[in-house]
Structures are given as C-alpha cells and as structure tokens.
Amino acid sequence: MKALFAMFILLAGSVSFAGPDCTKEAKDKWMPEAKMKEMILSQGYKIKKFKIDGNCYEIYGWDKEGKKVEIYYNPVDGSVVKENKK
C-alpha cells in the first residue's frame, strides 16, 4: 500500500510541474526573443523574467493593472497558451 501511495505522489508531482505544449515547430521557425519581448511590452506588460520553457516562451511579470502574471506564449505566433494571474 505504501509503495502504491509513493508511486501516486511521484506521478502527481511530475504532472503538476509539466508546462503547456506551445508548438511543434522547430526553433528556426520561432519569433526572435527580442521581437517577442517587444510585442509583450507593447501590450502593457512589464517583464521581470523572460525564458524558454520547453517549447514555449514564458514570462513572469505584471499586467497593466500591476497584478503578477505568469504567461506561456506560442513562440511562433506570440499567442497566449496559458496565463496565471497571482
């Protein structure tokens, strides 16, 4: 029983840390990071951290209202794939 519970915890933990699947396109098809950052800033966001997470561009920062956000973007077209407001 303990082994089954431990296996459940391991599986649940690995699923909760998985980021979204943003694109299947090769990196040579991705928008340059500088262009992506410029697009995000033009939408009124402030970027604290910009990074590549798997096959996504991801930011940590603030929206126009000053609320903390974590946003995953499709790196090819810049569309929002997942957004968490804190």
PDB file of N, CA and C in Angstrom:
ATOM      1  N   MET A   1       0.818  -1.188   0.000  1.00  0.00           N
ATOM      2  CA  MET A   1       0.000   0.000   0.000  1.00  0.00           C
ATOM      3  C   MET A   1       0.869   1.263   0.000  1.00  0.00           C
ATOM      4  N   LYS A   2       1.932   1.264   0.805  1.00  0.00           N
ATOM      5  CA  LYS A   2       2.819   2.424   0.859  1.00  0.00           C
ATOM      6  C   LYS A   2       3.497   2.649  -0.492  1.00  0.00           C
ATOM      7  N   ALA A   3       3.879   1.556  -1.156  1.00  0.00           N
ATOM      8  CA  ALA A   3       4.526   1.679  -2.467  1.00  0.00           C
ATOM      9  C   ALA A   3       3.566   2.283  -3.486  1.00  0.00           C
ATOM     10  N   LEU A   4       2.312   1.885  -3.450  1.00  0.00           N
ATOM     11  CA  LEU A   4       1.304   2.431  -4.354  1.00  0.00           C
ATOM     12  C   LEU A   4       1.100   3.923  -4.097  1.00  0.00           C
ATOM     13  N   PHE A   5       1.026   4.304  -2.842  1.00  0.00           N
ATOM     14  CA  PHE A   5       0.868   5.708  -2.476  1.00  0.00           C
ATOM     15  C   PHE A   5       2.079   6.526  -2.946  1.00  0.00           C
ATOM     16  N   ALA A   6       3.279   5.989  -2.747  1.00  0.00           N
ATOM     17  CA  ALA A   6       4.504   6.679  -3.168  1.00  0.00           C
ATOM     18  C   ALA A   6       4.524   6.861  -4.681  1.00  0.00           C
ATOM     19  N   MET A   7       4.095   5.840  -5.413  1.00  0.00           N
ATOM     20  CA  MET A   7       4.061   5.929  -6.871  1.00  0.00           C
ATOM     21  C   MET A   7       3.048   7.004  -7.300  1.00  0.00           C
ATOM     22  N   PHE A   8       1.905   7.076  -6.635  1.00  0.00           N
ATOM     23  CA  PHE A   8       0.901   8.091  -6.938  1.00  0.00           C
ATOM     24  C   PHE A   8       1.477   9.490  -6.724  1.00  0.00           C
ATOM     25  N   ILE A   9       2.161   9.688  -5.618  1.00  0.00           N
ATOM     26  CA  ILE A   9       2.752  11.001  -5.307  1.00  0.00           C
ATOM     27  C   ILE A   9       3.773  11.383  -6.375  1.00  0.00           C
ATOM     28  N   LEU A  10       4.599  10.457  -6.790  1.00  0.00           N
ATOM     29  CA  LEU A  10       5.592  10.736  -7.831  1.00  0.00           C
ATOM     30  C   LEU A  10       4.924  11.112  -9.142  1.00  0.00           C
ATOM     31  N   LEU A  11       3.915  10.370  -9.538  1.00  0.00           N
ATOM     32  CA  LEU A  11       3.218  10.674 -10.784  1.00  0.00           C
ATOM     33  C   LEU A  11       2.476  11.997 -10.701  1.00  0.00           C
ATOM     34  N   ALA A  12       1.817  12.245  -9.619  1.00  0.00           N
ATOM     35  CA  ALA A  12       1.086  13.503  -9.450  1.00  0.00           C
ATOM     36  C   ALA A  12       2.040  14.686  -9.468  1.00  0.00           C
ATOM     37  N   GLY A  13       3.184  14.532  -8.838  1.00  0.00           N
ATOM     38  CA  GLY A  13       4.173  15.607  -8.807  1.00  0.00           C
ATOM     39  C   GLY A  13       4.729  15.905 -10.184  1.00  0.00           C
ATOM     40  N   SER A  14       4.977  14.898 -10.978  1.00  0.00           N
ATOM     41  CA  SER A  14       5.546  15.123 -12.302  1.00  0.00           C
ATOM     42  C   SER A  14       4.535  15.774 -13.228  1.00  0.00           C
ATOM     43  N   VAL A  15       3.271  15.478 -13.063  1.00  0.00           N
ATOM     44  CA  VAL A  15       2.244  16.077 -13.903  1.00  0.00           C
ATOM     45  C   VAL A  15       2.047  17.545 -13.546  1.00  0.00           C
ATOM     46  N   SER A  16       2.070  17.886 -12.286  1.00  0.00           N
ATOM     47  CA  SER A  16       1.806  19.261 -11.875  1.00  0.00           C
ATOM     48  C   SER A  16       2.904  20.231 -12.305  1.00  0.00           C
ATOM     49  N   PHE A  17       4.080  19.749 -12.574  1.00  0.00           N
ATOM     50  CA  PHE A  17       5.172  20.622 -12.980  1.00  0.00           C
ATOM     51  C   PHE A  17       5.332  20.706 -14.489  1.00  0.00           C
ATOM     52  N   ALA A  18       4.540  19.965 -15.231  1.00  0.00           N
ATOM     53  CA  ALA A  18       4.642  19.992 -16.681  1.00  0.00           C
ATOM     54  C   ALA A  18       4.028  21.277 -17.216  1.00  0.00           C
ATOM     55  N   GLY A  19       4.778  21.962 -18.073  1.00  0.00           N
ATOM     56  CA  GLY A  19       4.261  23.166 -18.692  1.00  0.00           C
ATOM     57  C   GLY A  19       3.394  22.826 -19.889  1.00  0.00           C
ATOM     58  N   PRO A  20       2.748  23.833 -20.470  1.00  0.00           N
ATOM     59  CA  PRO A  20       1.897  23.577 -21.619  1.00  0.00           C
ATOM     60  C   PRO A  20       2.718  23.230 -22.865  1.00  0.00           C
ATOM     61  N   ASP A  21       2.048  22.651 -23.824  1.00  0.00           N
ATOM     62  CA  ASP A  21       2.664  22.329 -25.111  1.00  0.00           C
ATOM     63  C   ASP A  21       2.322  23.472 -26.062  1.00  0.00           C
ATOM     64  N   CYS A  22       3.298  24.339 -26.344  1.00  0.00           N
ATOM     65  CA  CYS A  22       3.022  25.568 -27.093  1.00  0.00           C
ATOM     66  C   CYS A  22       3.153  25.431 -28.602  1.00  0.00           C
ATOM     67  N   THR A  23       4.067  24.600 -29.077  1.00  0.00           N
ATOM     68  CA  THR A  23       4.254  24.455 -30.518  1.00  0.00           C
ATOM     69  C   THR A  23       4.995  23.165 -30.831  1.00  0.00           C
ATOM     70  N   LYS A  24       4.824  22.713 -32.047  1.00  0.00           N
ATOM     71  CA  LYS A  24       5.582  21.561 -32.565  1.00  0.00           C
ATOM     72  C   LYS A  24       6.640  22.038 -33.566  1.00  0.00           C
ATOM     73  N   GLU A  25       6.632  23.337 -33.870  1.00  0.00           N
ATOM     74  CA  GLU A  25       7.549  23.902 -34.863  1.00  0.00           C
ATOM     75  C   GLU A  25       8.997  23.893 -34.366  1.00  0.00           C
ATOM     76  N   ALA A  26       9.922  23.738 -35.296  1.00  0.00           N
ATOM     77  CA  ALA A  26      11.354  23.784 -34.986  1.00  0.00           C
ATOM     78  C   ALA A  26      11.738  25.206 -34.557  1.00  0.00           C
ATOM     79  N   LYS A  27      12.794  25.313 -33.767  1.00  0.00           N
ATOM     80  CA  LYS A  27      13.200  26.622 -33.233  1.00  0.00           C
ATOM     81  C   LYS A  27      13.545  27.632 -34.316  1.00  0.00           C
ATOM     82  N   ASP A  28      13.935  27.184 -35.495  1.00  0.00           N
ATOM     83  CA  ASP A  28      14.237  28.148 -36.556  1.00  0.00           C
ATOM     84  C   ASP A  28      12.972  28.841 -37.086  1.00  0.00           C
ATOM     85  N   LYS A  29      11.810  28.366 -36.699  1.00  0.00           N
ATOM     86  CA  LYS A  29      10.529  28.991 -37.077  1.00  0.00           C
ATOM     87  C   LYS A  29      10.033  29.952 -35.993  1.00  0.00           C
ATOM     88  N   TRP A  30      10.680  29.961 -34.831  1.00  0.00           N
ATOM     89  CA  TRP A  30      10.249  30.790 -33.703  1.00  0.00           C
ATOM     90  C   TRP A  30      10.538  32.268 -33.966  1.00  0.00           C
ATOM     91  N   MET A  31       9.708  33.107 -33.392  1.00  0.00           N
ATOM     92  CA  MET A  31       9.925  34.551 -33.406  1.00  0.00           C
ATOM     93  C   MET A  31      11.189  34.846 -32.584  1.00  0.00           C
ATOM     94  N   PRO A  32      12.048  35.747 -33.040  1.00  0.00           N
ATOM     95  CA  PRO A  32      13.227  36.094 -32.228  1.00  0.00           C
ATOM     96  C   PRO A  32      12.809  36.604 -30.849  1.00  0.00           C
ATOM     97  N   GLU A  33      13.604  36.278 -29.830  1.00  0.00           N
ATOM     98  CA  GLU A  33      13.278  36.677 -28.456  1.00  0.00           C
ATOM     99  C   GLU A  33      13.065  38.180 -28.330  1.00  0.00           C
ATOM    100  N   ALA A  34      13.913  38.974 -28.966  1.00  0.00           N
ATOM    101  CA  ALA A  34      13.788  40.437 -28.864  1.00  0.00           C
ATOM    102  C   ALA A  34      12.446  40.910 -29.420  1.00  0.00           C
ATOM    103  N   LYS A  35      12.002  40.330 -30.525  1.00  0.00           N
ATOM    104  CA  LYS A  35      10.723  40.712 -31.119  1.00  0.00           C
ATOM    105  C   LYS A  35       9.567  40.298 -30.202  1.00  0.00           C
ATOM    106  N   MET A  36       9.682  39.121 -29.595  1.00  0.00           N
ATOM    107  CA  MET A  36       8.639  38.647 -28.681  1.00  0.00           C
ATOM    108  C   MET A  36       8.544  39.562 -27.464  1.00  0.00           C
ATOM    109  N   LYS A  37       9.698  39.912 -26.888  1.00  0.00           N
ATOM    110  CA  LYS A  37       9.700  40.816 -25.733  1.00  0.00           C
ATOM    111  C   LYS A  37       9.071  42.160 -26.085  1.00  0.00           C
ATOM    112  N   GLU A  38       9.399  42.684 -27.259  1.00  0.00           N
ATOM    113  CA  GLU A  38       8.855  43.959 -27.721  1.00  0.00           C
ATOM    114  C   GLU A  38       7.324  43.873 -27.836  1.00  0.00           C
ATOM    115  N   MET A  39       6.822  42.760 -28.376  1.00  0.00           N
ATOM    116  CA  MET A  39       5.387  42.567 -28.515  1.00  0.00           C
ATOM    117  C   MET A  39       4.694  42.531 -27.147  1.00  0.00           C
ATOM    118  N   ILE A  40       5.300  41.816 -26.198  1.00  0.00           N
ATOM    119  CA  ILE A  40       4.733  41.701 -24.850  1.00  0.00           C
ATOM    120  C   ILE A  40       4.692  43.072 -24.171  1.00  0.00           C
ATOM    121  N   LEU A  41       5.781  43.806 -24.265  1.00  0.00           N
ATOM    122  CA  LEU A  41       5.845  45.137 -23.657  1.00  0.00           C
ATOM    123  C   LEU A  41       4.826  46.091 -24.288  1.00  0.00           C
ATOM    124  N   SER A  42       4.619  45.968 -25.597  1.00  0.00           N
ATOM    125  CA  SER A  42       3.665  46.845 -26.283  1.00  0.00           C
ATOM    126  C   SER A  42       2.223  46.574 -25.849  1.00  0.00           C
ATOM    127  N   GLN A  43       1.973  45.407 -25.245  1.00  0.00           N
ATOM    128  CA  GLN A  43       0.641  45.062 -24.748  1.00  0.00           C
ATOM    129  C   GLN A  43       0.436  45.540 -23.303  1.00  0.00           C
ATOM    130  N   GLY A  44       1.437  46.233 -22.753  1.00  0.00           N
ATOM    131  CA  GLY A  44       1.304  46.814 -21.420  1.00  0.00           C
ATOM    132  C   GLY A  44       1.859  45.968 -20.287  1.00  0.00           C
ATOM    133  N   TYR A  45       2.493  44.853 -20.614  1.00  0.00           N
ATOM    134  CA  TYR A  45       3.082  44.019 -19.565  1.00  0.00           C
ATOM    135  C   TYR A  45       4.467  44.535 -19.190  1.00  0.00           C
ATOM    136  N   LYS A  46       4.863  44.265 -17.958  1.00  0.00           N
ATOM    137  CA  LYS A  46       6.231  44.523 -17.504  1.00  0.00           C
ATOM    138  C   LYS A  46       6.845  43.156 -17.253  1.00  0.00           C
ATOM    139  N   ILE A  47       8.025  42.939 -17.798  1.00  0.00           N
ATOM    140  CA  ILE A  47       8.679  41.638 -17.711  1.00  0.00           C
ATOM    141  C   ILE A  47       9.718  41.645 -16.610  1.00  0.00           C
ATOM    142  N   LYS A  48       9.561  40.735 -15.659  1.00  0.00           N
ATOM    143  CA  LYS A  48      10.586  40.530 -14.631  1.00  0.00           C
ATOM    144  C   LYS A  48      11.573  39.471 -15.125  1.00  0.00           C
ATOM    145  N   LYS A  49      11.033  38.391 -15.690  1.00  0.00           N
ATOM    146  CA  LYS A  49      11.870  37.296 -16.182  1.00  0.00           C
ATOM    147  C   LYS A  49      11.268  36.762 -17.470  1.00  0.00           C
ATOM    148  N   PHE A  50      12.111  36.579 -18.468  1.00  0.00           N
ATOM    149  CA  PHE A  50      11.724  36.002 -19.760  1.00  0.00           C
ATOM    150  C   PHE A  50      12.582  34.776 -19.965  1.00  0.00           C
ATOM    151  N   LYS A  51      11.946  33.649 -20.318  1.00  0.00           N
ATOM    152  CA  LYS A  51      12.746  32.438 -20.523  1.00  0.00           C
ATOM    153  C   LYS A  51      12.071  31.508 -21.514  1.00  0.00           C
ATOM    154  N   ILE A  52      12.826  30.535 -21.961  1.00  0.00           N
ATOM    155  CA  ILE A  52      12.289  29.447 -22.767  1.00  0.00           C
ATOM    156  C   ILE A  52      12.005  28.299 -21.811  1.00  0.00           C
ATOM    157  N   ASP A  53      10.777  27.803 -21.854  1.00  0.00           N
ATOM    158  CA  ASP A  53      10.380  26.669 -21.023  1.00  0.00           C
ATOM    159  C   ASP A  53       9.841  25.594 -21.956  1.00  0.00           C
ATOM    160  N   GLY A  54      10.644  24.589 -22.215  1.00  0.00           N
ATOM    161  CA  GLY A  54      10.248  23.534 -23.151  1.00  0.00           C
ATOM    162  C   GLY A  54      10.108  24.104 -24.544  1.00  0.00           C
ATOM    163  N   ASN A  55       8.890  24.094 -25.075  1.00  0.00           N
ATOM    164  CA  ASN A  55       8.654  24.644 -26.408  1.00  0.00           C
ATOM    165  C   ASN A  55       7.788  25.914 -26.324  1.00  0.00           C
ATOM    166  N   CYS A  56       7.988  26.684 -25.258  1.00  0.00           N
ATOM    167  CA  CYS A  56       7.240  27.929 -25.021  1.00  0.00           C
ATOM    168  C   CYS A  56       8.198  29.057 -24.669  1.00  0.00           C
ATOM    169  N   TYR A  57       7.749  30.280 -24.949  1.00  0.00           N
ATOM    170  CA  TYR A  57       8.335  31.439 -24.311  1.00  0.00           C
ATOM    171  C   TYR A  57       7.501  31.659 -23.055  1.00  0.00           C
ATOM    172  N   GLU A  58       8.141  32.001 -21.953  1.00  0.00           N
ATOM    173  CA  GLU A  58       7.433  32.206 -20.699  1.00  0.00           C
ATOM    174  C   GLU A  58       7.916  33.493 -20.056  1.00  0.00           C
ATOM    175  N   ILE A  59       6.962  34.241 -19.494  1.00  0.00           N
ATOM    176  CA  ILE A  59       7.356  35.432 -18.728  1.00  0.00           C
ATOM    177  C   ILE A  59       6.773  35.362 -17.330  1.00  0.00           C
ATOM    178  N   TYR A  60       7.488  36.014 -16.425  1.00  0.00           N
ATOM    179  CA  TYR A  60       6.995  36.350 -15.097  1.00  0.00           C
ATOM    180  C   TYR A  60       7.042  37.862 -15.064  1.00  0.00           C
ATOM    181  N   GLY A  61       5.960  38.472 -14.636  1.00  0.00           N
ATOM    182  CA  GLY A  61       5.931  39.918 -14.607  1.00  0.00           C
ATOM    183  C   GLY A  61       4.613  40.444 -14.090  1.00  0.00           C
ATOM    184  N   TRP A  62       4.178  41.596 -14.643  1.00  0.00           N
ATOM    185  CA  TRP A  62       2.967  42.281 -14.200  1.00  0.00           C
ATOM    186  C   TRP A  62       2.147  42.715 -15.402  1.00  0.00           C
ATOM    187  N   ASP A  63       0.818  42.694 -15.242  1.00  0.00           N
ATOM    188  CA  ASP A  63      -0.067  43.180 -16.297  1.00  0.00           C
ATOM    189  C   ASP A  63      -0.277  44.686 -16.144  1.00  0.00           C
ATOM    190  N   LYS A  64      -1.183  45.243 -16.964  1.00  0.00           N
ATOM    191  CA  LYS A  64      -1.443  46.690 -16.951  1.00  0.00           C
ATOM    192  C   LYS A  64      -1.937  47.196 -15.602  1.00  0.00           C
ATOM    193  N   GLU A  65      -2.646  46.322 -14.875  1.00  0.00           N
ATOM    194  CA  GLU A  65      -3.183  46.704 -13.571  1.00  0.00           C
ATOM    195  C   GLU A  65      -2.190  46.478 -12.432  1.00  0.00           C
ATOM    196  N   GLY A  66      -1.000  45.994 -12.758  1.00  0.00           N
ATOM    197  CA  GLY A  66       0.013  45.751 -11.744  1.00  0.00           C
ATOM    198  C   GLY A  66      -0.091  44.404 -11.050  1.00  0.00           C
ATOM    199  N   LYS A  67      -0.959  43.516 -11.566  1.00  0.00           N
ATOM    200  CA  LYS A  67      -1.090  42.180 -10.990  1.00  0.00           C
ATOM    201  C   LYS A  67      -0.001  41.269 -11.542  1.00  0.00           C
ATOM    202  N   LYS A  68       0.528  40.422 -10.663  1.00  0.00           N
ATOM    203  CA  LYS A  68       1.561  39.476 -11.082  1.00  0.00           C
ATOM    204  C   LYS A  68       0.975  38.463 -12.058  1.00  0.00           C
ATOM    205  N   VAL A  69       1.759  38.147 -13.077  1.00  0.00           N
ATOM    206  CA  VAL A  69       1.331  37.167 -14.070  1.00  0.00           C
ATOM    207  C   VAL A  69       2.466  36.212 -14.404  1.00  0.00           C
ATOM    208  N   GLU A  70       2.075  35.037 -14.815  1.00  0.00           N
ATOM    209  CA  GLU A  70       2.984  34.061 -15.419  1.00  0.00           C
ATOM    210  C   GLU A  70       2.280  33.650 -16.702  1.00  0.00           C
ATOM    211  N   ILE A  71       2.934  33.886 -17.852  1.00  0.00           N
ATOM    212  CA  ILE A  71       2.279  33.631 -19.131  1.00  0.00           C
ATOM    213  C   ILE A  71       3.188  32.790 -20.017  1.00  0.00           C
ATOM    214  N   TYR A  72       2.587  31.768 -20.634  1.00  0.00           N
ATOM    215  CA  TYR A  72       3.260  30.932 -21.624  1.00  0.00           C
ATOM    216  C   TYR A  72       2.764  31.353 -22.996  1.00  0.00           C
ATOM    217  N   TYR A  73       3.696  31.585 -23.916  1.00  0.00           N
ATOM    218  CA  TYR A  73       3.365  32.026 -25.267  1.00  0.00           C
ATOM    219  C   TYR A  73       3.801  30.991 -26.298  1.00  0.00           C
ATOM    220  N   ASN A  74       3.020  30.906 -27.367  1.00  0.00           N
ATOM    221  CA  ASN A  74       3.455  30.160 -28.545  1.00  0.00           C
ATOM    222  C   ASN A  74       4.584  30.983 -29.160  1.00  0.00           C
ATOM    223  N   PRO A  75       5.780  30.428 -29.294  1.00  0.00           N
ATOM    224  CA  PRO A  75       6.916  31.213 -29.776  1.00  0.00           C
ATOM    225  C   PRO A  75       6.899  31.475 -31.280  1.00  0.00           C
ATOM    226  N   VAL A  76       5.983  30.858 -31.997  1.00  0.00           N
ATOM    227  CA  VAL A  76       5.894  31.061 -33.443  1.00  0.00           C
ATOM    228  C   VAL A  76       5.028  32.279 -33.761  1.00  0.00           C
ATOM    229  N   ASP A  77       3.820  32.343 -33.150  1.00  0.00           N
ATOM    230  CA  ASP A  77       2.902  33.436 -33.474  1.00  0.00           C
ATOM    231  C   ASP A  77       2.650  34.402 -32.316  1.00  0.00           C
ATOM    232  N   GLY A  78       3.194  34.121 -31.136  1.00  0.00           N
ATOM    233  CA  GLY A  78       3.053  35.017 -29.998  1.00  0.00           C
ATOM    234  C   GLY A  78       1.728  34.927 -29.267  1.00  0.00           C
ATOM    235  N   SER A  79       0.905  33.935 -29.601  1.00  0.00           N
ATOM    236  CA  SER A  79      -0.387  33.802 -28.926  1.00  0.00           C
ATOM    237  C   SER A  79      -0.199  33.263 -27.507  1.00  0.00           C
ATOM    238  N   VAL A  80      -1.098  33.654 -26.610  1.00  0.00           N
ATOM    239  CA  VAL A  80      -1.062  33.177 -25.227  1.00  0.00           C
ATOM    240  C   VAL A  80      -1.597  31.752 -25.194  1.00  0.00           C
ATOM    241  N   VAL A  81      -0.818  30.853 -24.600  1.00  0.00           N
ATOM    242  CA  VAL A  81      -1.220  29.464 -24.464  1.00  0.00           C
ATOM    243  C   VAL A  81      -1.806  29.215 -23.070  1.00  0.00           C
ATOM    244  N   LYS A  82      -1.197  29.827 -22.072  1.00  0.00           N
ATOM    245  CA  LYS A  82      -1.658  29.667 -20.693  1.00  0.00           C
ATOM    246  C   LYS A  82      -1.246  30.910 -19.914  1.00  0.00           C
ATOM    247  N   GLU A  83      -2.159  31.381 -19.054  1.00  0.00           N
ATOM    248  CA  GLU A  83      -1.871  32.563 -18.235  1.00  0.00           C
ATOM    249  C   GLU A  83      -2.328  32.316 -16.811  1.00  0.00           C
ATOM    250  N   ASN A  84      -1.463  32.628 -15.867  1.00  0.00           N
ATOM    251  CA  ASN A  84      -1.782  32.540 -14.443  1.00  0.00           C
ATOM    252  C   ASN A  84      -1.621  33.920 -13.851  1.00  0.00           C
ATOM    253  N   LYS A  85      -2.692  34.445 -13.275  1.00  0.00           N
ATOM    254  CA  LYS A  85      -2.605  35.718 -12.550  1.00  0.00           C
ATOM    255  C   LYS A  85      -2.517  35.391 -11.082  1.00  0.00           C
ATOM    256  N   LYS A  86      -1.688  36.134 -10.384  1.00  0.00           N
ATOM    257  CA  LYS A  86      -1.462  35.862  -8.960  1.00  0.00           C
ATOM    258  C   LYS A  86      -1.947  37.002  -8.111  1.00  0.00           C
TER     259      LYS A  86
END
